[in-house]
Amino acid sequence: MDVAAKKRLLREMLFARRFEERCYEAYVERKIGGFLHLYSGEEACAHGVLEAANIGSDYVITSYRDHIHAIKSGMDPKEVMAELYAKETGCCKGLGGSMHIFGVEHRFMGGYALVGGPFPLAAGLAKGIKMKGGSEICICFLGDAANNQGTFHESLNMAKIWNLPVLYVCENNLYGIGTRIDRSTAVVDQYKRVSGYDIPSEQVDGQDVEVVYAAAQKAINHVRSGKGPYFLELMTYRYRGHSMSDSNAYRAKDEERVWSKRDPIIMLRDRLVEAGEITEDDYKKMDDEILEDIENNVIKFSEESPEPSMDLLEKYVLAENDPWVHGGPK
């Protein structure tokens, strides 16, 4: 990875962090409602993997911690934030919210609220690619706790049998809501769990974007060359609770301090500073520009956008056969 790419990734990850922090503030201000799951601390995962992918060509699917995957896939941050604000200018016209970001034109095939929901969908997308003879792959992001769902094992088994072009990326942040992985899962190293399906796998440091990028290149080359599925486990950590309703009281402060010292943004920043590629002042200027951009463009756009109109109420609902739509049952 050259210096220009590292600088761009630093800006992208810092934008992601500030975007999520602004989401937090908007939620506290009651401008965002419903569920909200933030990605702070895990930025190197999405950015490292998707930097190695063919953005706009490869398909990407993930769970409900999805804002940053969508933006890195090419979606407009303004449309993502407007969706969180439940505005008509949002990517789903304000009808989906945080857990259902979707951008088919960018081949971002959605965030999904159901734990384990993306697994079979990713296999289906990969099956479609193979039937059409395409060169694309499907990248499926997942959390460690989702791997205890039956859909995980069923999908990986089918992906291997059919030799599907799908990369499963496990963002292992050690917790399923408030339950630590060693209290819920017999085999805590997730990459080992796919050996029963004869799928190659690797576990790497998910806090170092350069390490993630190198591992993702290897994994994507394997999948794209027609060798079938691959499983990549990224060891990472979310800095906030599972969702906005999570007090985060269950985690040891010593554990949090250890992981805070391995912040993916600070690690890359310090590396660039030590190499003489940027200065502390450069970083501060970058941060100020990002904060201004988010406030004056992303937030302003979302707050000034209209609410969804009433004619959207039934537009995306199959209602013609519902007797209640036509005055109740006869």
C-alpha atoms as a PDB file:
ATOM      1  CA  MET A   1       0.000   0.000   0.000  1.00  0.00           C
ATOM      2  CA  ASP A   2       1.526   3.319  -1.045  1.00  0.00           C
ATOM      3  CA  VAL A   3       1.632   6.499   1.032  1.00  0.00           C
ATOM      4  CA  ALA A   4      -1.192   8.176  -0.880  1.00  0.00           C
ATOM      5  CA  ALA A   5      -3.498   5.230  -0.142  1.00  0.00           C
ATOM      6  CA  LYS A   6      -2.568   5.288   3.546  1.00  0.00           C
ATOM      7  CA  LYS A   7      -3.332   8.999   3.790  1.00  0.00           C
ATOM      8  CA  ARG A   8      -6.672   8.514   2.055  1.00  0.00           C
ATOM      9  CA  LEU A   9      -7.562   5.630   4.340  1.00  0.00           C
ATOM     10  CA  LEU A  10      -6.661   7.724   7.364  1.00  0.00           C
ATOM     11  CA  ARG A  11      -9.079  10.406   6.198  1.00  0.00           C
ATOM     12  CA  GLU A  12     -11.781   7.844   5.413  1.00  0.00           C
ATOM     13  CA  MET A  13     -11.490   6.137   8.795  1.00  0.00           C
ATOM     14  CA  LEU A  14     -11.442   9.458  10.632  1.00  0.00           C
ATOM     15  CA  PHE A  15     -14.543  10.524   8.697  1.00  0.00           C
ATOM     16  CA  ALA A  16     -16.186   7.241   9.704  1.00  0.00           C
ATOM     17  CA  ARG A  17     -15.379   7.842  13.379  1.00  0.00           C
ATOM     18  CA  ARG A  18     -16.705  11.407  13.332  1.00  0.00           C
ATOM     19  CA  PHE A  19     -19.781  10.322  11.371  1.00  0.00           C
ATOM     20  CA  GLU A  20     -20.645   7.721  13.999  1.00  0.00           C
ATOM     21  CA  GLU A  21     -19.974  10.135  16.847  1.00  0.00           C
ATOM     22  CA  ARG A  22     -22.346  12.621  15.227  1.00  0.00           C
ATOM     23  CA  CYS A  23     -24.938   9.844  14.937  1.00  0.00           C
ATOM     24  CA  TYR A  24     -24.583   9.326  18.683  1.00  0.00           C
ATOM     25  CA  GLU A  25     -25.176  13.022  19.341  1.00  0.00           C
ATOM     26  CA  ALA A  26     -28.188  13.140  17.026  1.00  0.00           C
ATOM     27  CA  TYR A  27     -29.681  10.141  18.785  1.00  0.00           C
ATOM     28  CA  VAL A  28     -29.279  11.809  22.178  1.00  0.00           C
ATOM     29  CA  GLU A  29     -30.914  14.903  20.663  1.00  0.00           C
ATOM     30  CA  ARG A  30     -33.837  12.635  19.599  1.00  0.00           C
ATOM     31  CA  LYS A  31     -33.293  13.430  15.939  1.00  0.00           C
ATOM     32  CA  ILE A  32     -32.549   9.764  15.258  1.00  0.00           C
ATOM     33  CA  GLY A  33     -34.897   7.132  16.641  1.00  0.00           C
ATOM     34  CA  GLY A  34     -35.195   3.370  16.732  1.00  0.00           C
ATOM     35  CA  PHE A  35     -32.157   1.127  17.019  1.00  0.00           C
ATOM     36  CA  LEU A  36     -28.658   2.475  16.440  1.00  0.00           C
ATOM     37  CA  HIS A  37     -25.506   0.323  16.438  1.00  0.00           C
ATOM     38  CA  LEU A  38     -22.234   2.238  16.088  1.00  0.00           C
ATOM     39  CA  TYR A  39     -18.979   1.098  14.482  1.00  0.00           C
ATOM     40  CA  SER A  40     -16.427   3.188  16.400  1.00  0.00           C
ATOM     41  CA  GLY A  41     -13.250   1.164  16.976  1.00  0.00           C
ATOM     42  CA  GLU A  42     -13.802  -1.244  14.090  1.00  0.00           C
ATOM     43  CA  GLU A  43     -12.992   1.111  11.197  1.00  0.00           C
ATOM     44  CA  ALA A  44      -9.946  -0.830   9.975  1.00  0.00           C
ATOM     45  CA  CYS A  45     -12.120  -3.859   9.232  1.00  0.00           C
ATOM     46  CA  ALA A  46     -14.480  -2.380   6.649  1.00  0.00           C
ATOM     47  CA  HIS A  47     -11.867  -0.066   5.159  1.00  0.00           C
ATOM     48  CA  GLY A  48      -9.106  -2.653   4.925  1.00  0.00           C
ATOM     49  CA  VAL A  49     -11.300  -5.319   3.343  1.00  0.00           C
ATOM     50  CA  LEU A  50     -13.180  -3.099   0.900  1.00  0.00           C
ATOM     51  CA  GLU A  51      -9.989  -1.319  -0.119  1.00  0.00           C
ATOM     52  CA  ALA A  52      -8.928  -4.673  -1.574  1.00  0.00           C
ATOM     53  CA  ALA A  53     -12.289  -5.266  -3.293  1.00  0.00           C
ATOM     54  CA  ASN A  54     -13.685  -3.931  -6.566  1.00  0.00           C
ATOM     55  CA  ILE A  55     -16.019  -1.263  -5.203  1.00  0.00           C
ATOM     56  CA  GLY A  56     -19.178  -0.941  -7.275  1.00  0.00           C
ATOM     57  CA  SER A  57     -18.623  -4.333  -8.891  1.00  0.00           C
ATOM     58  CA  ASP A  58     -18.337  -6.782  -5.999  1.00  0.00           C
ATOM     59  CA  TYR A  59     -21.444  -7.273  -3.874  1.00  0.00           C
ATOM     60  CA  VAL A  60     -21.333  -6.338  -0.184  1.00  0.00           C
ATOM     61  CA  ILE A  61     -23.795  -7.422   2.496  1.00  0.00           C
ATOM     62  CA  THR A  62     -23.665  -7.020   6.256  1.00  0.00           C
ATOM     63  CA  SER A  63     -25.609  -6.965   9.508  1.00  0.00           C
ATOM     64  CA  TYR A  64     -27.123  -4.015  11.367  1.00  0.00           C
ATOM     65  CA  ARG A  65     -23.823  -2.234  12.217  1.00  0.00           C
ATOM     66  CA  ASP A  66     -23.823  -1.094   8.618  1.00  0.00           C
ATOM     67  CA  HIS A  67     -23.358   2.665   8.110  1.00  0.00           C
ATOM     68  CA  ILE A  68     -19.618   2.586   7.437  1.00  0.00           C
ATOM     69  CA  HIS A  69     -19.714  -0.442   5.143  1.00  0.00           C
ATOM     70  CA  ALA A  70     -22.299   1.419   3.067  1.00  0.00           C
ATOM     71  CA  ILE A  71     -20.222   4.596   2.845  1.00  0.00           C
ATOM     72  CA  LYS A  72     -17.025   2.707   1.973  1.00  0.00           C
ATOM     73  CA  SER A  73     -19.027   0.877  -0.711  1.00  0.00           C
ATOM     74  CA  GLY A  74     -19.626   4.244  -2.381  1.00  0.00           C
ATOM     75  CA  MET A  75     -22.892   5.433  -0.880  1.00  0.00           C
ATOM     76  CA  ASP A  76     -23.359   9.150  -0.199  1.00  0.00           C
ATOM     77  CA  PRO A  77     -22.957   9.883   3.538  1.00  0.00           C
ATOM     78  CA  LYS A  78     -25.746  12.456   3.244  1.00  0.00           C
ATOM     79  CA  GLU A  79     -28.204   9.778   2.080  1.00  0.00           C
ATOM     80  CA  VAL A  80     -27.086   7.438   4.848  1.00  0.00           C
ATOM     81  CA  MET A  81     -27.540  10.094   7.540  1.00  0.00           C
ATOM     82  CA  ALA A  82     -30.867  11.201   6.047  1.00  0.00           C
ATOM     83  CA  GLU A  83     -32.043   7.605   6.325  1.00  0.00           C
ATOM     84  CA  LEU A  84     -31.120   7.612  10.011  1.00  0.00           C
ATOM     85  CA  TYR A  85     -33.109  10.848  10.334  1.00  0.00           C
ATOM     86  CA  ALA A  86     -36.055   9.050   8.668  1.00  0.00           C
ATOM     87  CA  LYS A  87     -36.155  11.604   5.864  1.00  0.00           C
ATOM     88  CA  GLU A  88     -37.449  11.087   2.331  1.00  0.00           C
ATOM     89  CA  THR A  89     -33.996  11.874   0.905  1.00  0.00           C
ATOM     90  CA  GLY A  90     -32.561   8.844   2.710  1.00  0.00           C
ATOM     91  CA  CYS A  91     -31.337   5.849   0.742  1.00  0.00           C
ATOM     92  CA  CYS A  92     -34.571   3.991   1.591  1.00  0.00           C
ATOM     93  CA  LYS A  93     -36.722   7.141   1.651  1.00  0.00           C
ATOM     94  CA  GLY A  94     -36.646   7.147   5.436  1.00  0.00           C
ATOM     95  CA  LEU A  95     -38.546   3.876   5.700  1.00  0.00           C
ATOM     96  CA  GLY A  96     -35.670   1.593   6.690  1.00  0.00           C
ATOM     97  CA  GLY A  97     -33.594   3.358   9.300  1.00  0.00           C
ATOM     98  CA  SER A  98     -30.208   2.452  10.711  1.00  0.00           C
ATOM     99  CA  MET A  99     -30.422  -1.314  10.383  1.00  0.00           C
ATOM    100  CA  HIS A 100     -31.614  -1.317   6.762  1.00  0.00           C
ATOM    101  CA  ILE A 101     -29.196   0.821   4.769  1.00  0.00           C
ATOM    102  CA  PHE A 102     -29.335  -0.257   1.119  1.00  0.00           C
ATOM    103  CA  GLY A 103     -27.710   0.924  -2.114  1.00  0.00           C
ATOM    104  CA  VAL A 104     -28.279  -1.389  -5.047  1.00  0.00           C
ATOM    105  CA  GLU A 105     -26.583   0.996  -7.491  1.00  0.00           C
ATOM    106  CA  HIS A 106     -23.383   0.546  -5.487  1.00  0.00           C
ATOM    107  CA  ARG A 107     -24.021  -3.175  -5.027  1.00  0.00           C
ATOM    108  CA  PHE A 108     -24.332  -2.639  -1.311  1.00  0.00           C
ATOM    109  CA  MET A 109     -27.042  -5.200  -0.742  1.00  0.00           C
ATOM    110  CA  GLY A 110     -28.057  -4.057   2.675  1.00  0.00           C
ATOM    111  CA  GLY A 111     -27.693  -4.208   6.372  1.00  0.00           C
ATOM    112  CA  TYR A 112     -30.013  -6.708   8.034  1.00  0.00           C
ATOM    113  CA  ALA A 113     -31.603  -6.628  11.466  1.00  0.00           C
ATOM    114  CA  LEU A 114     -31.893 -10.404  11.842  1.00  0.00           C
ATOM    115  CA  VAL A 115     -28.806 -12.009  13.381  1.00  0.00           C
ATOM    116  CA  GLY A 116     -27.471 -14.505  10.861  1.00  0.00           C
ATOM    117  CA  GLY A 117     -29.743 -13.153   8.130  1.00  0.00           C
ATOM    118  CA  PRO A 118     -27.015 -12.170   5.636  1.00  0.00           C
ATOM    119  CA  PHE A 119     -25.416 -15.655   5.451  1.00  0.00           C
ATOM    120  CA  PRO A 120     -27.917 -17.341   3.104  1.00  0.00           C
ATOM    121  CA  LEU A 121     -28.406 -14.103   1.145  1.00  0.00           C
ATOM    122  CA  ALA A 122     -24.657 -13.907   0.522  1.00  0.00           C
ATOM    123  CA  ALA A 123     -24.652 -17.494  -0.681  1.00  0.00           C
ATOM    124  CA  GLY A 124     -27.566 -16.666  -2.983  1.00  0.00           C
ATOM    125  CA  LEU A 125     -25.794 -13.639  -4.423  1.00  0.00           C
ATOM    126  CA  ALA A 126     -22.654 -15.714  -4.991  1.00  0.00           C
ATOM    127  CA  LYS A 127     -24.740 -18.468  -6.616  1.00  0.00           C
ATOM    128  CA  GLY A 128     -26.198 -15.878  -8.987  1.00  0.00           C
ATOM    129  CA  ILE A 129     -22.718 -14.614  -9.879  1.00  0.00           C
ATOM    130  CA  LYS A 130     -21.560 -18.134 -10.658  1.00  0.00           C
ATOM    131  CA  MET A 131     -24.631 -18.996 -12.753  1.00  0.00           C
ATOM    132  CA  LYS A 132     -24.071 -15.856 -14.846  1.00  0.00           C
ATOM    133  CA  GLY A 133     -20.348 -16.532 -15.185  1.00  0.00           C
ATOM    134  CA  GLY A 134     -19.378 -13.205 -13.640  1.00  0.00           C
ATOM    135  CA  SER A 135     -16.001 -12.206 -12.231  1.00  0.00           C
ATOM    136  CA  GLU A 136     -17.491 -10.482  -9.177  1.00  0.00           C
ATOM    137  CA  ILE A 137     -17.500 -11.881  -5.677  1.00  0.00           C
ATOM    138  CA  CYS A 138     -19.809 -11.399  -2.699  1.00  0.00           C
ATOM    139  CA  ILE A 139     -18.333 -10.103   0.556  1.00  0.00           C
ATOM    140  CA  CYS A 140     -20.384 -10.945   3.646  1.00  0.00           C
ATOM    141  CA  PHE A 141     -19.520  -9.121   6.879  1.00  0.00           C
ATOM    142  CA  LEU A 142     -20.685 -10.759  10.100  1.00  0.00           C
ATOM    143  CA  GLY A 143     -20.279 -10.482  13.842  1.00  0.00           C
ATOM    144  CA  ASP A 144     -18.828 -13.257  15.977  1.00  0.00           C
ATOM    145  CA  ALA A 145     -22.082 -13.888  17.875  1.00  0.00           C
ATOM    146  CA  ALA A 146     -23.971 -14.549  14.632  1.00  0.00           C
ATOM    147  CA  ASN A 147     -21.864 -17.653  14.054  1.00  0.00           C
ATOM    148  CA  ASN A 148     -23.945 -19.588  16.554  1.00  0.00           C
ATOM    149  CA  GLN A 149     -26.957 -19.299  14.248  1.00  0.00           C
ATOM    150  CA  GLY A 150     -27.898 -22.312  12.163  1.00  0.00           C
ATOM    151  CA  THR A 151     -27.814 -20.181   9.019  1.00  0.00           C
ATOM    152  CA  PHE A 152     -24.047 -19.806   9.461  1.00  0.00           C
ATOM    153  CA  HIS A 153     -23.383 -23.545   9.219  1.00  0.00           C
ATOM    154  CA  GLU A 154     -25.990 -24.255   6.551  1.00  0.00           C
ATOM    155  CA  SER A 155     -24.717 -21.437   4.333  1.00  0.00           C
ATOM    156  CA  LEU A 156     -21.029 -22.296   4.660  1.00  0.00           C
ATOM    157  CA  ASN A 157     -21.748 -25.935   3.886  1.00  0.00           C
ATOM    158  CA  MET A 158     -23.643 -24.979   0.715  1.00  0.00           C
ATOM    159  CA  ALA A 159     -21.022 -22.391  -0.266  1.00  0.00           C
ATOM    160  CA  LYS A 160     -18.333 -25.061  -0.175  1.00  0.00           C
ATOM    161  CA  ILE A 161     -20.369 -27.736  -1.933  1.00  0.00           C
ATOM    162  CA  TRP A 162     -21.215 -25.324  -4.764  1.00  0.00           C
ATOM    163  CA  ASN A 163     -17.767 -23.688  -4.719  1.00  0.00           C
ATOM    164  CA  LEU A 164     -19.316 -20.218  -4.486  1.00  0.00           C
ATOM    165  CA  PRO A 165     -17.392 -16.924  -4.884  1.00  0.00           C
ATOM    166  CA  VAL A 166     -18.120 -15.601  -1.402  1.00  0.00           C
ATOM    167  CA  LEU A 167     -15.800 -14.127   1.236  1.00  0.00           C
ATOM    168  CA  TYR A 168     -17.062 -14.272   4.818  1.00  0.00           C
ATOM    169  CA  VAL A 169     -15.499 -11.577   7.011  1.00  0.00           C
ATOM    170  CA  CYS A 170     -16.005 -12.069  10.747  1.00  0.00           C
ATOM    171  CA  GLU A 171     -15.569  -8.837  12.708  1.00  0.00           C
ATOM    172  CA  ASN A 172     -14.875 -10.449  16.061  1.00  0.00           C
ATOM    173  CA  ASN A 173     -15.391  -7.733  18.689  1.00  0.00           C
ATOM    174  CA  LEU A 174     -15.561 -10.374  21.464  1.00  0.00           C
ATOM    175  CA  TYR A 175     -19.143  -9.643  22.529  1.00  0.00           C
ATOM    176  CA  GLY A 176     -22.656 -10.659  21.522  1.00  0.00           C
ATOM    177  CA  ILE A 177     -24.562  -7.723  23.012  1.00  0.00           C
ATOM    178  CA  GLY A 178     -23.385  -8.043  26.658  1.00  0.00           C
ATOM    179  CA  THR A 179     -22.146 -11.636  26.597  1.00  0.00           C
ATOM    180  CA  ARG A 180     -18.441 -12.249  26.119  1.00  0.00           C
ATOM    181  CA  ILE A 181     -17.594 -14.812  23.474  1.00  0.00           C
ATOM    182  CA  ASP A 182     -15.961 -17.289  25.873  1.00  0.00           C
ATOM    183  CA  ARG A 183     -19.257 -17.548  27.805  1.00  0.00           C
ATOM    184  CA  SER A 184     -21.373 -18.342  24.745  1.00  0.00           C
ATOM    185  CA  THR A 185     -19.161 -20.143  22.243  1.00  0.00           C
ATOM    186  CA  ALA A 186     -17.271 -23.414  22.674  1.00  0.00           C
ATOM    187  CA  VAL A 187     -14.614 -22.564  20.072  1.00  0.00           C
ATOM    188  CA  VAL A 188     -13.695 -18.916  20.537  1.00  0.00           C
ATOM    189  CA  ASP A 189     -11.328 -18.760  17.539  1.00  0.00           C
ATOM    190  CA  GLN A 190     -13.926 -18.353  14.823  1.00  0.00           C
ATOM    191  CA  TYR A 191     -11.621 -19.150  11.925  1.00  0.00           C
ATOM    192  CA  LYS A 192     -11.252 -22.695  13.297  1.00  0.00           C
ATOM    193  CA  ARG A 193     -14.997 -23.323  13.120  1.00  0.00           C
ATOM    194  CA  VAL A 194     -15.057 -23.441   9.323  1.00  0.00           C
ATOM    195  CA  SER A 195     -12.523 -26.275   9.111  1.00  0.00           C
ATOM    196  CA  GLY A 196     -15.444 -28.713   9.243  1.00  0.00           C
ATOM    197  CA  TYR A 197     -16.515 -27.401   5.846  1.00  0.00           C
ATOM    198  CA  ASP A 198     -13.002 -27.522   4.343  1.00  0.00           C
ATOM    199  CA  ILE A 199     -12.987 -23.756   3.822  1.00  0.00           C
ATOM    200  CA  PRO A 200      -9.603 -21.982   4.063  1.00  0.00           C
ATOM    201  CA  SER A 201      -9.494 -19.376   6.798  1.00  0.00           C
ATOM    202  CA  GLU A 202      -7.235 -16.955   8.638  1.00  0.00           C
ATOM    203  CA  GLN A 203      -7.314 -14.854  11.814  1.00  0.00           C
ATOM    204  CA  VAL A 204      -5.554 -11.456  11.781  1.00  0.00           C
ATOM    205  CA  ASP A 205      -5.319  -8.192  13.705  1.00  0.00           C
ATOM    206  CA  GLY A 206      -8.446  -6.211  12.853  1.00  0.00           C
ATOM    207  CA  GLN A 207      -7.108  -2.957  14.328  1.00  0.00           C
ATOM    208  CA  ASP A 208      -4.313  -2.512  11.803  1.00  0.00           C
ATOM    209  CA  VAL A 209      -5.743  -1.446   8.439  1.00  0.00           C
ATOM    210  CA  GLU A 210      -2.573  -2.459   6.586  1.00  0.00           C
ATOM    211  CA  VAL A 211      -2.720  -5.968   8.044  1.00  0.00           C
ATOM    212  CA  VAL A 212      -6.400  -6.225   7.183  1.00  0.00           C
ATOM    213  CA  TYR A 213      -5.763  -5.021   3.644  1.00  0.00           C
ATOM    214  CA  ALA A 214      -3.008  -7.590   3.057  1.00  0.00           C
ATOM    215  CA  ALA A 215      -5.136 -10.424   4.443  1.00  0.00           C
ATOM    216  CA  ALA A 216      -8.132  -9.284   2.393  1.00  0.00           C
ATOM    217  CA  GLN A 217      -6.056  -9.210  -0.799  1.00  0.00           C
ATOM    218  CA  LYS A 218      -5.057 -12.814  -0.210  1.00  0.00           C
ATOM    219  CA  ALA A 219      -8.623 -13.871   0.584  1.00  0.00           C
ATOM    220  CA  ILE A 220     -10.187 -11.994  -2.343  1.00  0.00           C
ATOM    221  CA  ASN A 221      -7.644 -13.364  -4.807  1.00  0.00           C
ATOM    222  CA  HIS A 222      -8.505 -16.874  -3.610  1.00  0.00           C
ATOM    223  CA  VAL A 223     -12.243 -16.346  -4.065  1.00  0.00           C
ATOM    224  CA  ARG A 224     -12.013 -14.456  -7.360  1.00  0.00           C
ATOM    225  CA  SER A 225      -9.746 -17.106  -8.898  1.00  0.00           C
ATOM    226  CA  GLY A 226     -12.556 -19.654  -8.662  1.00  0.00           C
ATOM    227  CA  LYS A 227     -11.241 -21.596  -5.679  1.00  0.00           C
ATOM    228  CA  GLY A 228     -14.440 -21.171  -3.686  1.00  0.00           C
ATOM    229  CA  PRO A 229     -15.304 -19.519  -0.355  1.00  0.00           C
ATOM    230  CA  TYR A 230     -12.871 -18.100   2.188  1.00  0.00           C
ATOM    231  CA  PHE A 231     -13.314 -17.095   5.841  1.00  0.00           C
ATOM    232  CA  LEU A 232     -11.399 -14.163   7.317  1.00  0.00           C
ATOM    233  CA  GLU A 233     -11.557 -13.409  11.056  1.00  0.00           C
ATOM    234  CA  LEU A 234     -10.604  -9.891  12.160  1.00  0.00           C
ATOM    235  CA  MET A 235      -9.924  -9.359  15.852  1.00  0.00           C
ATOM    236  CA  THR A 236     -11.407  -5.981  16.726  1.00  0.00           C
ATOM    237  CA  TYR A 237     -13.274  -4.078  19.444  1.00  0.00           C
ATOM    238  CA  ARG A 238     -16.246  -1.739  19.532  1.00  0.00           C
ATOM    239  CA  TYR A 239     -15.685   1.299  21.704  1.00  0.00           C
ATOM    240  CA  ARG A 240     -19.345   1.830  22.547  1.00  0.00           C
ATOM    241  CA  GLY A 241     -22.042  -0.530  23.751  1.00  0.00           C
ATOM    242  CA  HIS A 242     -23.853  -2.932  21.469  1.00  0.00           C
ATOM    243  CA  SER A 243     -26.494  -0.295  20.742  1.00  0.00           C
ATOM    244  CA  MET A 244     -27.642   3.014  22.168  1.00  0.00           C
ATOM    245  CA  SER A 245     -29.704   1.176  24.786  1.00  0.00           C
ATOM    246  CA  ASP A 246     -26.587  -0.632  26.059  1.00  0.00           C
ATOM    247  CA  SER A 247     -24.993   0.939  29.146  1.00  0.00           C
ATOM    248  CA  ASN A 248     -21.767  -0.997  28.474  1.00  0.00           C
ATOM    249  CA  ALA A 249     -21.433  -1.721  32.209  1.00  0.00           C
ATOM    250  CA  TYR A 250     -20.447  -5.363  31.714  1.00  0.00           C
ATOM    251  CA  ARG A 251     -16.957  -4.763  30.283  1.00  0.00           C
ATOM    252  CA  ALA A 252     -13.868  -4.483  32.468  1.00  0.00           C
ATOM    253  CA  LYS A 253     -12.218  -1.058  32.397  1.00  0.00           C
ATOM    254  CA  ASP A 254      -8.772  -2.658  32.104  1.00  0.00           C
ATOM    255  CA  GLU A 255      -9.917  -4.462  28.948  1.00  0.00           C
ATOM    256  CA  GLU A 256     -11.245  -1.219  27.475  1.00  0.00           C
ATOM    257  CA  ARG A 257      -7.970   0.564  28.231  1.00  0.00           C
ATOM    258  CA  VAL A 258      -5.938  -2.140  26.506  1.00  0.00           C
ATOM    259  CA  TRP A 259      -8.011  -1.882  23.335  1.00  0.00           C
ATOM    260  CA  SER A 260      -8.096   1.915  23.386  1.00  0.00           C
ATOM    261  CA  LYS A 261      -4.315   1.854  23.009  1.00  0.00           C
ATOM    262  CA  ARG A 262      -4.808   0.006  19.715  1.00  0.00           C
ATOM    263  CA  ASP A 263      -7.157   2.493  18.113  1.00  0.00           C
ATOM    264  CA  PRO A 264      -6.970   1.817  14.331  1.00  0.00           C
ATOM    265  CA  ILE A 265      -7.015   5.518  13.438  1.00  0.00           C
ATOM    266  CA  ILE A 266      -4.356   6.536  15.921  1.00  0.00           C
ATOM    267  CA  MET A 267      -2.153   3.596  14.925  1.00  0.00           C
ATOM    268  CA  LEU A 268      -2.178   4.634  11.270  1.00  0.00           C
ATOM    269  CA  ARG A 269      -1.780   8.322  12.144  1.00  0.00           C
ATOM    270  CA  ASP A 270       1.256   7.655  14.336  1.00  0.00           C
ATOM    271  CA  ARG A 271       2.819   5.465  11.665  1.00  0.00           C
ATOM    272  CA  LEU A 272       2.498   8.241   9.091  1.00  0.00           C
ATOM    273  CA  VAL A 273       3.800  10.867  11.519  1.00  0.00           C
ATOM    274  CA  GLU A 274       6.829   8.745  12.451  1.00  0.00           C
ATOM    275  CA  ALA A 275       7.578   8.212   8.750  1.00  0.00           C
ATOM    276  CA  GLY A 276       7.469  11.971   8.175  1.00  0.00           C
ATOM    277  CA  GLU A 277       4.549  11.692   5.752  1.00  0.00           C
ATOM    278  CA  ILE A 278       2.230  13.934   7.796  1.00  0.00           C
ATOM    279  CA  THR A 279       2.504  16.151  10.859  1.00  0.00           C
ATOM    280  CA  GLU A 280       0.295  16.478  13.927  1.00  0.00           C
ATOM    281  CA  ASP A 281      -0.912  19.788  12.483  1.00  0.00           C
ATOM    282  CA  ASP A 282      -1.840  18.050   9.219  1.00  0.00           C
ATOM    283  CA  TYR A 283      -3.934  15.576  11.172  1.00  0.00           C
ATOM    284  CA  LYS A 284      -5.628  18.321  13.183  1.00  0.00           C
ATOM    285  CA  LYS A 285      -6.457  20.210   9.988  1.00  0.00           C
ATOM    286  CA  MET A 286      -7.868  17.031   8.451  1.00  0.00           C
ATOM    287  CA  ASP A 287     -10.026  16.453  11.514  1.00  0.00           C
ATOM    288  CA  ASP A 288     -11.335  20.021  11.465  1.00  0.00           C
ATOM    289  CA  GLU A 289     -12.213  19.744   7.771  1.00  0.00           C
ATOM    290  CA  ILE A 290     -14.073  16.479   8.367  1.00  0.00           C
ATOM    291  CA  LEU A 291     -16.041  17.895  11.291  1.00  0.00           C
ATOM    292  CA  GLU A 292     -17.005  20.932   9.212  1.00  0.00           C
ATOM    293  CA  ASP A 293     -18.024  18.734   6.274  1.00  0.00           C
ATOM    294  CA  ILE A 294     -20.225  16.520   8.430  1.00  0.00           C
ATOM    295  CA  GLU A 295     -21.908  19.478  10.127  1.00  0.00           C
ATOM    296  CA  ASN A 296     -22.360  21.766   7.131  1.00  0.00           C
ATOM    297  CA  ASN A 297     -23.172  19.141   4.529  1.00  0.00           C
ATOM    298  CA  VAL A 298     -24.250  15.809   6.009  1.00  0.00           C
ATOM    299  CA  ILE A 299     -26.194  17.049   9.034  1.00  0.00           C
ATOM    300  CA  LYS A 300     -27.535  20.168   7.308  1.00  0.00           C
ATOM    301  CA  PHE A 301     -28.832  18.079   4.405  1.00  0.00           C
ATOM    302  CA  SER A 302     -30.535  15.628   6.756  1.00  0.00           C
ATOM    303  CA  GLU A 303     -32.151  18.248   8.970  1.00  0.00           C
ATOM    304  CA  GLU A 304     -33.445  20.266   6.030  1.00  0.00           C
ATOM    305  CA  SER A 305     -34.790  17.268   4.091  1.00  0.00           C
ATOM    306  CA  PRO A 306     -38.553  16.622   4.064  1.00  0.00           C
ATOM    307  CA  GLU A 307     -40.341  13.929   6.022  1.00  0.00           C
ATOM    308  CA  PRO A 308     -41.637  10.988   3.940  1.00  0.00           C
ATOM    309  CA  SER A 309     -44.932  11.910   2.288  1.00  0.00           C
ATOM    310  CA  MET A 310     -48.119  10.050   3.135  1.00  0.00           C
ATOM    311  CA  ASP A 311     -48.379   8.609  -0.369  1.00  0.00           C
ATOM    312  CA  LEU A 312     -45.393   6.401   0.523  1.00  0.00           C
ATOM    313  CA  LEU A 313     -47.422   4.689   3.255  1.00  0.00           C
ATOM    314  CA  GLU A 314     -48.655   1.854   1.024  1.00  0.00           C
ATOM    315  CA  LYS A 315     -46.242   2.248  -1.900  1.00  0.00           C
ATOM    316  CA  TYR A 316     -43.898  -0.562  -0.862  1.00  0.00           C
ATOM    317  CA  VAL A 317     -46.509  -2.766   0.811  1.00  0.00           C
ATOM    318  CA  LEU A 318     -48.502  -5.462  -0.963  1.00  0.00           C
ATOM    319  CA  ALA A 319     -51.886  -4.139   0.103  1.00  0.00           C
ATOM    320  CA  GLU A 320     -54.336  -4.834  -2.717  1.00  0.00           C
ATOM    321  CA  ASN A 321     -55.501  -8.137  -1.189  1.00  0.00           C
ATOM    322  CA  ASP A 322     -55.639  -6.914   2.405  1.00  0.00           C
ATOM    323  CA  PRO A 323     -59.324  -6.512   3.362  1.00  0.00           C
ATOM    324  CA  TRP A 324     -58.438  -3.951   6.020  1.00  0.00           C
ATOM    325  CA  VAL A 325     -57.160  -1.593   3.308  1.00  0.00           C
ATOM    326  CA  HIS A 326     -60.629  -1.658   1.739  1.00  0.00           C
ATOM    327  CA  GLY A 327     -62.726  -1.037   4.811  1.00  0.00           C
ATOM    328  CA  GLY A 328     -62.295  -4.237   6.801  1.00  0.00           C
ATOM    329  CA  PRO A 329     -63.348  -7.846   6.234  1.00  0.00           C
ATOM    330  CA  LYS A 330     -66.670  -8.404   4.461  1.00  0.00           C
END
